[in-house]
Amino acid sequence: MSDLNNLIKNFYRKIVGFLSLPRVIAVFIAIGIIVRAKQYLANCSFWMDETWVAAMIISQSPAELIDGSGIFSELPTTPLGFMLIAKAFTMALGNSELVLRLFPFLCSIAALFVFNRFSRRVLPLKEAAVATGLFAFSPILISYAAELKQYSSDLFIVLLFYYYFVFLLDKKILFRNFFILAFAGSVAMWISNTCVFVLAAGGITLSVASLVKKQGKRFFVLIGVYAIWILNFAVLYKQKLAPLVGEESLVATWPGAFASNPILSFENLFWAKEVFVEMFKDLGGFILPSIAAILFIVGLVSLFLKKKYQAMLFALPVVLAFMAAVFQKYPFRERVILFLVPCVLIFVVQGVAFFVAKTKKFSLLVFAVFVVFLFFNPVRQAIKGFSLSPCKQDLRAMMEFFNENYQPEDAIFLDSVAQTSSWYYGDLLGFNKRFPETLSFKDPRDGRVSLHEIGKFHIGYKTIRGIDLLIYRQEFNVYNTNGDFRGARVRRGNSGKDYYYILENIPHIEPIKGKRVWLMFGDSEFEKMADIAKSSFDKKFFLLKVFEGKGAKALLYDTRVERKNPTQ
């Protein structure tokens, strides 16, 4: 064992002689930039979670985004500040996926540099280098580095606050600091809703530190900052967050991310253990999340004994987010807790440092084992991801196929993902200007608008009496005189008679309003939905064209002549 330790020591000295720790950190940051740039420059099609965000930004003016009562008032919203920044980019640079994703991408790159500076304030240089490497290779950070979602900007913003809070723990709060903290916190809430957890954690930590150190003036200055934050949050909550927090659809969207009722139950104890351990798989990509969880706890205690206020600052966001999930206000799982990555990495690396310090004789061997454990899966996934396409769905390609083959007499059936894709790509590709007018009316906001009828599939498929089927209803996409998408409408007073069915392997019996009919799918169950529709329409109509891509499928049928023999 000692020989192995000596071998590792000699190897370590050679490495250190060749690459100093600052150079190692620079290499990690460079790799982080490269893998994130690869995600961005792949210029993937928007996938289901991005399409409606893109449509919200492109189809509304800045005033409509601020007002919040526009054409997407029924959909869950992205932070207002995030959408306004993305809107500003499109107004300056034009409409494209690359432009819309530019702000999240820039935030993901900037976060690498801020995390490095932040970790070096908290940890010794060697541990900071490890933490920076894990941050650079983090699978979840790479995955969301170039998506039209707020997770990268959330992370960048909370890192700035972590850095500033650590700075303030050892400094006097002057009027300038008071103004910066009050103003920045108030603005940040509108760009990143999750920064509320970090602001609360920082506020509690600074207040406790002021009271313990008997800094009364500092404490009352902080009370003024918190009063401004609370008033600002009250407005934000009333206007934007209240309809979303704790909503049944949010709970249904994130199964397992919330505690169940009653809160005090054995079931929730098992749930707490599961989501806590799962956090290290989601955020760190660690191959053995249970070991990472132990390192986290050890690191928390170790850091608390050395720098108790910093330990509070990094532990409280995890606690607050977890309690929000306990009371069914915010999900505790996967990408929505991505802003906790800095907390996880700081404590895990501090836990490693504790064990290394306790094994002086074999410290380098123990350090090497932990480094391999921590980096193995993130590096493996980064290498694998770099060699593969990061694209999740071929929705753009499906819409390009539709644009090339669409005729004004065609009927259109869509699921919800294909519909939101058509909202965005219809504007980008221009086919929304070719839709025939079904009805028209005068809208007080947009003037004269036209309605284009579609068949809208219910989410997923159903099984009734052993038969798989699709459910659809009549809906209308609304366009102004310039062909810009302006919303979706459903006929008032929908009853059971307004819903229609497509049964697997049974010829479709409802009349089709068109010489041809499109069936387009992008839902998570798109393959099964497309198979059900195809089995029904194949028995009645001739299939003309098919598009099959990753996570998307489109079928075009000729409805002018019905099949007499389904096998022909």
Protein backbone atom coordinates (compact mmCIF):
# COMPACT_ATOMS: atom_id res chain seq x y z
CA MET A 1 0.00 0.00 0.00
CA SER A 2 2.85 2.38 0.90
CA ASP A 3 4.55 1.62 -2.44
CA LEU A 4 1.34 2.51 -4.27
CA ASN A 5 1.04 5.70 -2.27
CA ASN A 6 4.66 6.63 -3.11
CA LEU A 7 4.00 5.93 -6.79
CA ILE A 8 0.99 8.23 -6.69
CA LYS A 9 3.03 10.88 -4.87
CA ASN A 10 5.72 10.82 -7.54
CA PHE A 11 3.12 10.97 -10.32
CA TYR A 12 1.35 13.82 -8.50
CA ARG A 13 4.62 15.80 -8.17
CA LYS A 14 5.31 15.43 -11.89
CA ILE A 15 1.79 16.57 -12.76
CA VAL A 16 2.00 19.52 -10.36
CA GLY A 17 5.41 20.39 -11.78
CA PHE A 18 3.98 20.45 -15.29
CA LEU A 19 0.59 21.98 -14.52
CA SER A 20 0.13 24.37 -11.61
CA LEU A 21 -3.31 24.44 -10.01
CA PRO A 22 -4.28 27.72 -11.71
CA ARG A 23 -3.40 26.11 -15.04
CA VAL A 24 -5.50 23.04 -14.15
CA ILE A 25 -8.42 25.35 -13.38
CA ALA A 26 -7.90 27.15 -16.68
CA VAL A 27 -7.98 23.81 -18.52
CA PHE A 28 -11.22 22.85 -16.75
CA ILE A 29 -12.83 26.17 -17.69
CA ALA A 30 -11.65 25.83 -21.30
CA ILE A 31 -13.14 22.32 -21.52
CA GLY A 32 -16.35 23.61 -19.96
CA ILE A 33 -16.59 26.33 -22.60
CA ILE A 34 -15.92 23.86 -25.42
CA VAL A 35 -18.56 21.31 -24.40
CA ARG A 36 -21.15 24.04 -23.83
CA ALA A 37 -20.32 25.72 -27.15
CA LYS A 38 -20.77 22.36 -28.86
CA GLN A 39 -24.31 22.17 -27.42
CA TYR A 40 -25.09 25.68 -28.64
CA LEU A 41 -23.51 25.47 -32.10
CA ALA A 42 -25.31 22.19 -32.84
CA ASN A 43 -28.30 24.51 -33.45
CA CYS A 44 -30.82 21.83 -32.56
CA SER A 45 -34.50 22.17 -33.21
CA PHE A 46 -36.48 23.37 -30.24
CA TRP A 47 -37.95 20.45 -28.32
CA MET A 48 -41.30 20.25 -26.56
CA ASP A 49 -40.32 22.26 -23.47
CA GLU A 50 -38.84 25.05 -25.59
CA THR A 51 -41.47 25.43 -28.32
CA TRP A 52 -44.10 27.17 -26.21
CA VAL A 53 -41.49 29.45 -24.60
CA ALA A 54 -40.29 30.45 -28.09
CA ALA A 55 -43.88 31.02 -29.23
CA MET A 56 -44.61 33.17 -26.15
CA ILE A 57 -41.58 35.37 -26.82
CA ILE A 58 -41.97 35.74 -30.58
CA SER A 59 -45.76 36.14 -30.73
CA GLN A 60 -46.02 38.85 -28.07
CA SER A 61 -44.74 42.39 -27.79
CA PRO A 62 -42.72 43.47 -24.73
CA ALA A 63 -45.83 45.22 -23.41
CA GLU A 64 -47.88 42.01 -23.72
CA LEU A 65 -45.17 40.04 -21.95
CA ILE A 66 -45.19 42.52 -19.07
CA ASP A 67 -48.97 42.69 -18.91
CA GLY A 68 -49.24 38.90 -18.68
CA SER A 69 -52.85 38.80 -19.87
CA GLY A 70 -52.00 38.27 -23.51
CA ILE A 71 -52.40 35.33 -25.81
CA PHE A 72 -50.66 32.80 -23.54
CA SER A 73 -52.22 33.68 -20.19
CA GLU A 74 -53.39 30.08 -19.71
CA LEU A 75 -49.90 28.54 -20.08
CA PRO A 76 -47.30 28.21 -17.31
CA THR A 77 -44.96 31.14 -17.63
CA THR A 78 -41.21 31.57 -17.78
CA PRO A 79 -39.74 34.39 -15.61
CA LEU A 80 -40.70 37.75 -17.08
CA GLY A 81 -37.18 39.17 -17.05
CA PHE A 82 -35.84 36.14 -18.87
CA MET A 83 -38.43 36.51 -21.63
CA LEU A 84 -37.84 40.25 -21.99
CA ILE A 85 -34.08 39.71 -22.37
CA ALA A 86 -34.64 36.98 -24.97
CA LYS A 87 -37.15 39.27 -26.73
CA ALA A 88 -34.55 42.07 -26.81
CA PHE A 89 -32.06 39.69 -28.46
CA THR A 90 -34.58 38.81 -31.20
CA MET A 91 -35.44 42.47 -31.77
CA ALA A 92 -31.74 43.25 -32.19
CA LEU A 93 -30.50 40.12 -34.00
CA GLY A 94 -33.59 38.57 -35.61
CA ASN A 95 -35.62 35.45 -34.95
CA SER A 96 -33.82 32.10 -34.84
CA GLU A 97 -33.13 29.28 -32.40
CA LEU A 98 -29.51 30.48 -31.98
CA VAL A 99 -30.61 34.00 -31.10
CA LEU A 100 -33.27 32.87 -28.65
CA ARG A 101 -30.78 30.55 -26.94
CA LEU A 102 -27.99 33.12 -26.83
CA PHE A 103 -28.79 34.54 -23.38
CA PRO A 104 -28.90 31.13 -21.63
CA PHE A 105 -25.69 30.13 -23.42
CA LEU A 106 -23.84 33.29 -22.37
CA CYS A 107 -25.02 32.76 -18.80
CA SER A 108 -23.71 29.17 -18.82
CA ILE A 109 -20.26 30.40 -19.94
CA ALA A 110 -20.17 33.27 -17.46
CA ALA A 111 -21.18 30.88 -14.67
CA LEU A 112 -17.93 28.93 -15.17
CA PHE A 113 -15.85 31.99 -14.32
CA VAL A 114 -18.05 33.14 -11.43
CA PHE A 115 -18.11 29.67 -9.86
CA ASN A 116 -14.31 29.49 -10.03
CA ARG A 117 -13.94 32.84 -8.25
CA PHE A 118 -16.64 31.92 -5.76
CA SER A 119 -15.21 28.47 -4.93
CA ARG A 120 -11.73 29.96 -4.41
CA ARG A 121 -13.20 32.30 -1.79
CA VAL A 122 -14.66 29.35 0.11
CA LEU A 123 -12.22 26.47 -0.43
CA PRO A 124 -8.42 26.05 -0.57
CA LEU A 125 -7.02 26.19 -4.09
CA LYS A 126 -6.71 22.40 -4.57
CA GLU A 127 -10.32 21.78 -3.49
CA ALA A 128 -11.50 24.77 -5.56
CA ALA A 129 -9.82 23.21 -8.61
CA VAL A 130 -11.72 19.95 -8.03
CA ALA A 131 -15.00 21.82 -7.56
CA THR A 132 -14.41 23.86 -10.75
CA GLY A 133 -13.68 20.67 -12.68
CA LEU A 134 -16.90 19.04 -11.47
CA PHE A 135 -18.81 22.20 -12.37
CA ALA A 136 -17.30 22.22 -15.86
CA PHE A 137 -18.15 18.56 -16.50
CA SER A 138 -21.56 18.53 -14.76
CA PRO A 139 -23.92 16.67 -17.15
CA ILE A 140 -27.00 18.67 -16.17
CA LEU A 141 -25.21 22.01 -16.60
CA ILE A 142 -23.95 20.99 -20.04
CA SER A 143 -27.36 19.69 -21.05
CA TYR A 144 -29.16 22.95 -20.22
CA ALA A 145 -26.34 25.28 -21.29
CA ALA A 146 -28.00 26.07 -24.61
CA GLU A 147 -31.74 25.64 -24.15
CA LEU A 148 -34.44 28.28 -24.22
CA LYS A 149 -35.14 27.74 -20.53
CA GLN A 150 -34.20 29.79 -17.52
CA TYR A 151 -32.04 27.21 -15.73
CA SER A 152 -28.64 28.51 -16.91
CA SER A 153 -29.54 32.10 -16.11
CA ASP A 154 -30.91 30.96 -12.72
CA LEU A 155 -27.53 29.41 -11.95
CA PHE A 156 -25.53 32.44 -13.08
CA ILE A 157 -27.66 34.83 -11.02
CA VAL A 158 -27.56 32.77 -7.80
CA LEU A 159 -23.77 32.40 -8.20
CA LEU A 160 -23.44 36.19 -8.27
CA PHE A 161 -25.42 36.39 -5.04
CA TYR A 162 -23.45 33.59 -3.39
CA TYR A 163 -20.26 35.46 -4.25
CA TYR A 164 -21.62 38.76 -2.93
CA PHE A 165 -23.00 37.24 0.27
CA VAL A 166 -19.63 35.60 1.04
CA PHE A 167 -18.02 39.00 0.46
CA LEU A 168 -20.49 40.73 2.80
CA LEU A 169 -20.02 38.23 5.62
CA ASP A 170 -16.59 39.75 6.32
CA LYS A 171 -17.25 43.35 5.33
CA LYS A 172 -19.09 46.34 6.72
CA ILE A 173 -22.32 47.07 4.91
CA LEU A 174 -22.11 50.64 3.67
CA PHE A 175 -24.92 52.55 2.00
CA ARG A 176 -23.50 51.50 -1.36
CA ASN A 177 -23.75 47.82 -0.37
CA PHE A 178 -27.29 48.41 0.90
CA PHE A 179 -28.34 49.91 -2.42
CA ILE A 180 -26.67 47.18 -4.50
CA LEU A 181 -28.21 44.37 -2.44
CA ALA A 182 -31.71 45.88 -2.39
CA PHE A 183 -31.75 46.80 -6.08
CA ALA A 184 -30.04 43.67 -7.42
CA GLY A 185 -32.21 41.34 -5.35
CA SER A 186 -35.42 43.04 -6.47
CA VAL A 187 -34.47 42.93 -10.16
CA ALA A 188 -33.12 39.38 -9.98
CA MET A 189 -36.43 37.98 -8.70
CA TRP A 190 -38.07 38.89 -12.00
CA ILE A 191 -35.35 37.22 -14.07
CA SER A 192 -34.85 34.16 -11.87
CA ASN A 193 -37.68 33.09 -9.59
CA THR A 194 -35.46 30.49 -7.89
CA CYS A 195 -33.06 33.18 -6.66
CA VAL A 196 -35.70 33.82 -3.97
CA PHE A 197 -34.38 30.73 -2.15
CA VAL A 198 -30.81 32.06 -2.23
CA LEU A 199 -31.84 35.60 -1.26
CA ALA A 200 -33.73 34.18 1.72
CA ALA A 201 -30.73 32.05 2.67
CA GLY A 202 -28.37 35.03 2.38
CA GLY A 203 -30.73 37.25 4.34
CA ILE A 204 -31.03 34.78 7.20
CA THR A 205 -27.27 34.16 7.28
CA LEU A 206 -26.31 37.84 7.30
CA SER A 207 -28.92 38.59 9.98
CA VAL A 208 -27.75 35.78 12.26
CA ALA A 209 -24.13 36.84 11.79
CA SER A 210 -25.02 40.46 12.66
CA LEU A 211 -26.92 39.46 15.81
CA VAL A 212 -24.22 37.07 17.03
CA LYS A 213 -21.50 39.67 16.44
CA LYS A 214 -23.72 42.34 18.08
CA GLN A 215 -23.68 44.53 15.00
CA GLY A 216 -26.97 46.30 15.59
CA LYS A 217 -26.54 49.00 12.94
CA ARG A 218 -25.69 46.39 10.33
CA PHE A 219 -28.74 44.34 11.32
CA PHE A 220 -31.17 47.26 10.94
CA VAL A 221 -29.67 48.20 7.58
CA LEU A 222 -30.33 44.61 6.48
CA ILE A 223 -33.94 44.84 7.72
CA GLY A 224 -34.41 47.71 5.27
CA VAL A 225 -33.06 45.55 2.43
CA TYR A 226 -35.38 42.68 3.36
CA ALA A 227 -38.40 45.00 3.51
CA ILE A 228 -37.73 46.07 -0.08
CA TRP A 229 -37.30 42.45 -1.14
CA ILE A 230 -40.52 41.36 0.57
CA LEU A 231 -42.57 44.13 -1.03
CA ASN A 232 -41.10 43.29 -4.43
CA PHE A 233 -41.75 39.57 -3.94
CA ALA A 234 -45.36 40.26 -2.92
CA VAL A 235 -45.95 41.99 -6.26
CA LEU A 236 -44.16 39.20 -8.15
CA TYR A 237 -46.13 36.52 -6.33
CA LYS A 238 -49.48 38.17 -6.93
CA GLN A 239 -48.89 38.87 -10.62
CA LYS A 240 -46.87 35.85 -11.76
CA LEU A 241 -46.35 33.06 -9.22
CA ALA A 242 -49.65 32.64 -7.37
CA PRO A 243 -51.39 30.75 -10.23
CA LEU A 244 -48.47 28.29 -10.43
CA VAL A 245 -47.38 27.62 -6.85
CA GLY A 246 -48.91 24.43 -5.53
CA GLU A 247 -51.20 24.04 -8.57
CA GLU A 248 -52.47 20.49 -9.16
CA SER A 249 -51.03 20.43 -12.69
CA LEU A 250 -47.58 21.28 -11.28
CA VAL A 251 -47.80 18.40 -8.83
CA ALA A 252 -48.97 16.07 -11.61
CA THR A 253 -46.13 17.20 -13.91
CA TRP A 254 -43.50 16.32 -11.30
CA PRO A 255 -44.47 12.96 -9.78
CA GLY A 256 -42.30 12.10 -6.79
CA ALA A 257 -40.96 15.66 -6.48
CA PHE A 258 -43.40 16.60 -3.70
CA ALA A 259 -44.17 15.18 -0.27
CA SER A 260 -47.59 13.59 0.10
CA ASN A 261 -50.28 14.31 2.67
CA PRO A 262 -50.24 13.98 5.60
CA ILE A 263 -46.80 15.56 5.89
CA LEU A 264 -45.88 13.68 9.08
CA SER A 265 -45.89 10.10 7.79
CA PHE A 266 -43.46 7.22 7.30
CA GLU A 267 -44.10 7.46 3.57
CA ASN A 268 -42.62 10.96 3.54
CA LEU A 269 -39.56 9.81 5.47
CA PHE A 270 -38.78 7.38 2.66
CA TRP A 271 -39.58 10.09 0.12
CA ALA A 272 -37.19 12.52 1.84
CA LYS A 273 -34.37 9.98 1.73
CA GLU A 274 -35.07 9.18 -1.92
CA VAL A 275 -35.13 12.77 -3.21
CA PHE A 276 -32.10 13.75 -1.11
CA VAL A 277 -29.96 10.94 -2.52
CA GLU A 278 -31.39 11.43 -6.02
CA MET A 279 -30.24 15.06 -5.88
CA PHE A 280 -26.62 13.94 -6.19
CA LYS A 281 -27.38 11.88 -9.28
CA ASP A 282 -29.39 14.69 -10.87
CA LEU A 283 -27.07 17.60 -10.09
CA GLY A 284 -23.64 16.02 -9.86
CA GLY A 285 -24.02 13.04 -12.17
CA PHE A 286 -22.24 10.93 -9.54
CA ILE A 287 -22.17 7.19 -10.21
CA LEU A 288 -22.81 6.37 -6.53
CA PRO A 289 -25.14 9.10 -5.24
CA SER A 290 -25.37 7.55 -1.76
CA ILE A 291 -21.60 8.02 -1.29
CA ALA A 292 -21.90 11.59 -2.55
CA ALA A 293 -24.70 12.18 -0.04
CA ILE A 294 -22.42 11.04 2.80
CA LEU A 295 -19.64 13.33 1.55
CA PHE A 296 -22.17 16.19 1.42
CA ILE A 297 -23.19 15.70 5.06
CA VAL A 298 -19.59 15.33 6.24
CA GLY A 299 -18.58 18.38 4.22
CA LEU A 300 -21.43 20.45 5.67
CA VAL A 301 -20.38 19.63 9.25
CA SER A 302 -16.70 20.16 8.43
CA LEU A 303 -17.29 23.55 6.83
CA PHE A 304 -19.62 24.59 9.66
CA LEU A 305 -16.86 23.93 12.20
CA LYS A 306 -14.49 26.15 10.18
CA LYS A 307 -16.77 28.78 8.64
CA LYS A 308 -20.22 28.43 10.16
CA TYR A 309 -21.82 31.33 8.34
CA GLN A 310 -20.66 30.16 4.94
CA ALA A 311 -21.96 26.68 5.76
CA MET A 312 -25.34 28.23 6.65
CA LEU A 313 -25.37 30.20 3.42
CA PHE A 314 -24.92 27.07 1.28
CA ALA A 315 -27.09 24.72 3.34
CA LEU A 316 -30.16 26.95 3.68
CA PRO A 317 -31.12 27.03 -0.05
CA VAL A 318 -31.26 23.21 0.00
CA VAL A 319 -33.35 23.26 3.17
CA LEU A 320 -35.72 25.96 1.90
CA ALA A 321 -36.24 24.28 -1.48
CA PHE A 322 -36.82 20.96 0.27
CA MET A 323 -39.40 22.51 2.63
CA ALA A 324 -41.17 24.07 -0.35
CA ALA A 325 -41.51 20.55 -1.79
CA VAL A 326 -42.76 19.24 1.57
CA PHE A 327 -45.59 21.80 1.48
CA GLN A 328 -46.19 21.15 -2.25
CA LYS A 329 -45.13 24.62 -3.37
CA TYR A 330 -42.06 23.78 -5.47
CA PRO A 331 -40.76 20.50 -6.95
CA PHE A 332 -37.51 19.09 -5.56
CA ARG A 333 -36.04 17.14 -8.47
CA GLU A 334 -33.93 17.35 -11.61
CA ARG A 335 -33.60 20.59 -13.57
CA VAL A 336 -35.80 22.79 -11.37
CA ILE A 337 -33.24 22.50 -8.54
CA LEU A 338 -30.28 23.04 -10.87
CA PHE A 339 -29.55 26.27 -8.95
CA LEU A 340 -28.43 24.06 -6.02
CA VAL A 341 -25.42 22.69 -7.95
CA PRO A 342 -22.96 25.11 -6.24
CA CYS A 343 -24.16 24.02 -2.77
CA VAL A 344 -23.81 20.34 -3.65
CA LEU A 345 -20.32 20.67 -5.11
CA ILE A 346 -18.95 22.84 -2.28
CA PHE A 347 -20.06 20.40 0.43
CA VAL A 348 -19.10 17.24 -1.48
CA VAL A 349 -15.59 18.54 -2.17
CA GLN A 350 -15.28 19.73 1.43
CA GLY A 351 -16.25 16.20 2.50
CA VAL A 352 -13.45 14.78 0.36
CA ALA A 353 -11.00 17.24 1.93
CA PHE A 354 -12.05 16.07 5.39
CA PHE A 355 -11.32 12.40 4.65
CA VAL A 356 -8.06 13.24 2.91
CA ALA A 357 -6.93 15.24 5.94
CA LYS A 358 -7.75 12.32 8.26
CA THR A 359 -5.59 9.89 6.27
CA LYS A 360 -2.25 11.71 6.29
CA LYS A 361 -0.12 8.67 5.49
CA PHE A 362 -2.17 7.72 2.45
CA SER A 363 -3.68 11.13 1.74
CA LEU A 364 -2.72 11.21 -1.95
CA LEU A 365 -4.09 7.72 -2.53
CA VAL A 366 -7.37 8.62 -0.83
CA PHE A 367 -7.51 11.88 -2.78
CA ALA A 368 -6.90 10.02 -6.07
CA VAL A 369 -9.65 7.48 -5.29
CA PHE A 370 -12.15 10.24 -4.55
CA VAL A 371 -11.19 12.20 -7.67
CA VAL A 372 -11.78 9.12 -9.82
CA PHE A 373 -15.10 8.51 -8.07
CA LEU A 374 -16.28 12.10 -8.53
CA PHE A 375 -15.09 12.64 -12.10
CA PHE A 376 -15.65 9.22 -13.67
CA ASN A 377 -19.30 9.53 -14.69
CA PRO A 378 -19.36 13.29 -15.49
CA VAL A 379 -16.28 12.97 -17.73
CA ARG A 380 -17.63 9.80 -19.35
CA GLN A 381 -20.94 11.51 -20.12
CA ALA A 382 -19.18 14.63 -21.42
CA ILE A 383 -17.05 12.55 -23.81
CA LYS A 384 -20.08 10.54 -24.91
CA GLY A 385 -22.18 13.68 -25.35
CA PHE A 386 -19.46 15.40 -27.37
CA SER A 387 -19.46 12.58 -29.90
CA LEU A 388 -23.25 12.41 -30.21
CA SER A 389 -25.90 14.85 -31.35
CA PRO A 390 -27.41 16.73 -28.39
CA CYS A 391 -30.71 17.24 -30.24
CA LYS A 392 -33.77 15.86 -28.46
CA GLN A 393 -36.48 16.21 -31.12
CA ASP A 394 -36.69 16.87 -34.86
CA LEU A 395 -39.63 19.27 -34.61
CA ARG A 396 -38.05 21.84 -36.94
CA ALA A 397 -37.45 19.17 -39.60
CA MET A 398 -41.06 18.00 -39.27
CA MET A 399 -42.33 21.55 -39.71
CA GLU A 400 -40.03 22.06 -42.72
CA PHE A 401 -41.48 18.86 -44.21
CA PHE A 402 -44.96 20.21 -43.57
CA ASN A 403 -44.07 23.60 -45.09
CA GLU A 404 -42.75 21.95 -48.28
CA ASN A 405 -45.83 19.75 -48.78
CA TYR A 406 -48.74 21.73 -47.31
CA GLN A 407 -51.63 22.81 -49.55
CA PRO A 408 -54.35 25.28 -48.46
CA GLU A 409 -57.08 22.61 -48.79
CA ASP A 410 -55.37 20.32 -46.27
CA ALA A 411 -56.94 19.47 -42.91
CA ILE A 412 -54.54 19.39 -39.95
CA PHE A 413 -54.56 17.24 -36.80
CA LEU A 414 -51.94 17.99 -34.13
CA ASP A 415 -50.99 17.00 -30.62
CA SER A 416 -50.09 19.77 -28.15
CA VAL A 417 -46.33 19.67 -28.92
CA ALA A 418 -46.85 19.75 -32.68
CA GLN A 419 -49.31 22.61 -32.17
CA THR A 420 -46.90 24.79 -30.17
CA SER A 421 -44.18 23.92 -32.70
CA SER A 422 -46.43 25.17 -35.49
CA TRP A 423 -46.95 28.43 -33.60
CA TYR A 424 -43.22 29.18 -33.54
CA TYR A 425 -42.05 27.56 -36.79
CA GLY A 426 -45.10 28.83 -38.65
CA ASP A 427 -43.78 32.34 -38.07
CA LEU A 428 -40.15 31.37 -38.77
CA LEU A 429 -40.90 29.42 -41.98
CA GLY A 430 -43.86 31.54 -43.05
CA PHE A 431 -46.47 28.84 -43.58
CA ASN A 432 -48.91 30.48 -41.15
CA LYS A 433 -49.50 33.13 -43.81
CA ARG A 434 -50.78 30.41 -46.18
CA PHE A 435 -53.53 29.05 -43.94
CA PRO A 436 -57.06 29.58 -45.29
CA GLU A 437 -59.49 31.59 -43.19
CA THR A 438 -62.21 29.52 -41.49
CA LEU A 439 -63.80 32.42 -39.63
CA SER A 440 -62.89 36.01 -38.86
CA PHE A 441 -63.84 38.64 -36.30
CA LYS A 442 -62.71 41.98 -34.95
CA ASP A 443 -60.53 41.72 -31.85
CA PRO A 444 -60.24 44.80 -29.60
CA ARG A 445 -56.49 44.23 -29.26
CA ASP A 446 -55.46 43.07 -32.75
CA GLY A 447 -58.18 44.39 -35.03
CA ARG A 448 -59.39 41.94 -37.65
CA VAL A 449 -58.17 38.39 -37.03
CA SER A 450 -58.80 35.11 -38.81
CA LEU A 451 -59.30 31.64 -37.36
CA HIS A 452 -57.83 28.49 -38.84
CA GLU A 453 -59.49 25.25 -37.78
CA ILE A 454 -57.43 22.27 -36.58
CA GLY A 455 -58.08 18.95 -34.90
CA LYS A 456 -56.31 18.95 -31.51
CA PHE A 457 -55.40 15.60 -29.94
CA HIS A 458 -55.80 15.11 -26.22
CA ILE A 459 -52.46 14.52 -24.45
CA GLY A 460 -51.43 10.88 -24.83
CA TYR A 461 -53.74 8.02 -25.70
CA LYS A 462 -56.49 6.22 -23.79
CA THR A 463 -57.50 2.60 -23.45
CA ILE A 464 -61.22 1.90 -23.11
CA ARG A 465 -62.56 -1.65 -22.97
CA GLY A 466 -59.27 -2.97 -24.28
CA ILE A 467 -59.17 -0.64 -27.30
CA ASP A 468 -56.45 2.02 -27.63
CA LEU A 469 -57.78 5.30 -28.97
CA LEU A 470 -57.03 8.97 -29.50
CA ILE A 471 -59.35 11.79 -28.48
CA TYR A 472 -59.48 15.08 -30.37
CA ARG A 473 -61.59 18.19 -30.55
CA GLN A 474 -62.02 21.16 -32.83
CA GLU A 475 -59.79 24.15 -32.05
CA PHE A 476 -58.84 27.35 -33.85
CA ASN A 477 -55.46 29.02 -34.22
CA VAL A 478 -55.86 32.80 -34.45
CA TYR A 479 -53.78 34.98 -36.82
CA ASN A 480 -53.77 38.72 -37.49
CA THR A 481 -53.76 40.28 -40.93
CA ASN A 482 -49.96 39.98 -41.12
CA GLY A 483 -50.16 36.24 -40.52
CA ASP A 484 -48.74 36.50 -36.98
CA PHE A 485 -49.99 33.93 -34.49
CA ARG A 486 -52.23 35.58 -31.88
CA GLY A 487 -53.64 32.75 -29.80
CA ALA A 488 -55.72 29.58 -29.76
CA ARG A 489 -59.48 29.39 -29.23
CA VAL A 490 -61.89 26.63 -28.31
CA ARG A 491 -65.60 26.78 -28.97
CA ARG A 492 -67.51 27.91 -25.91
CA GLY A 493 -69.59 25.38 -24.07
CA ASN A 494 -67.73 22.26 -25.19
CA SER A 495 -69.71 19.12 -24.38
CA GLY A 496 -69.11 15.41 -24.88
CA LYS A 497 -70.43 15.77 -28.42
CA ASP A 498 -67.54 18.06 -29.30
CA TYR A 499 -64.97 15.32 -28.75
CA TYR A 500 -64.15 12.75 -31.44
CA TYR A 501 -62.30 9.45 -31.41
CA ILE A 502 -59.78 7.59 -33.52
CA LEU A 503 -59.84 3.89 -32.61
CA GLU A 504 -56.92 1.56 -33.25
CA ASN A 505 -57.49 -0.76 -36.25
CA ILE A 506 -60.99 0.65 -36.86
CA PRO A 507 -61.64 2.90 -39.90
CA HIS A 508 -62.16 6.52 -38.93
CA ILE A 509 -65.84 7.40 -39.29
CA GLU A 510 -65.88 11.18 -38.80
CA PRO A 511 -65.86 13.35 -41.98
CA ILE A 512 -62.57 15.12 -42.81
CA LYS A 513 -62.80 18.75 -43.98
CA GLY A 514 -60.08 18.70 -46.61
CA LYS A 515 -58.81 16.98 -49.72
CA ARG A 516 -55.86 15.74 -47.71
CA VAL A 517 -55.22 15.40 -43.98
CA TRP A 518 -52.08 15.85 -41.88
CA LEU A 519 -51.49 13.98 -38.63
CA MET A 520 -48.53 15.39 -36.66
CA PHE A 521 -47.13 14.18 -33.34
CA GLY A 522 -44.37 15.33 -30.97
CA ASP A 523 -45.74 14.28 -27.59
CA SER A 524 -43.74 11.96 -25.31
CA GLU A 525 -46.04 9.14 -26.45
CA PHE A 526 -45.87 10.16 -30.12
CA GLU A 527 -44.95 6.71 -31.47
CA LYS A 528 -47.96 4.98 -29.95
CA MET A 529 -50.26 7.87 -30.88
CA ALA A 530 -49.01 7.80 -34.48
CA ASP A 531 -49.45 4.01 -34.64
CA ILE A 532 -53.06 4.26 -33.45
CA ALA A 533 -53.87 6.99 -35.98
CA LYS A 534 -52.10 5.15 -38.81
CA SER A 535 -53.88 1.86 -38.09
CA SER A 536 -57.23 3.67 -38.34
CA PHE A 537 -56.56 5.92 -41.34
CA ASP A 538 -54.80 3.17 -43.32
CA LYS A 539 -58.09 1.30 -43.42
CA LYS A 540 -59.85 4.21 -45.10
CA PHE A 541 -57.39 6.54 -46.89
CA PHE A 542 -54.25 6.33 -49.01
CA LEU A 543 -51.02 7.30 -47.29
CA LEU A 544 -49.13 9.85 -49.42
CA LYS A 545 -46.10 10.92 -47.38
CA VAL A 546 -44.45 10.13 -44.04
CA PHE A 547 -41.95 12.05 -41.93
CA GLU A 548 -40.16 10.14 -39.19
CA GLY A 549 -37.61 11.89 -36.99
CA LYS A 550 -36.32 11.87 -33.46
CA GLY A 551 -39.31 12.48 -31.21
CA ALA A 552 -41.57 13.54 -34.09
CA LYS A 553 -43.74 11.95 -36.76
CA ALA A 554 -46.05 13.28 -39.50
CA LEU A 555 -48.45 11.42 -41.81
CA LEU A 556 -50.16 12.86 -44.89
CA TYR A 557 -53.25 11.10 -46.29
CA ASP A 558 -55.34 11.63 -49.42
CA THR A 559 -59.00 11.82 -48.34
CA ARG A 560 -60.55 12.33 -51.78
CA VAL A 561 -60.85 8.62 -52.54
CA GLU A 562 -61.64 6.13 -49.82
CA ARG A 563 -60.15 2.67 -49.80
CA LYS A 564 -62.57 -0.12 -50.50
CA ASN A 565 -59.97 -2.76 -49.67
CA PRO A 566 -57.67 -1.83 -46.75
CA THR A 567 -54.96 -4.15 -48.06
CA GLN A 568 -54.63 -2.40 -51.44
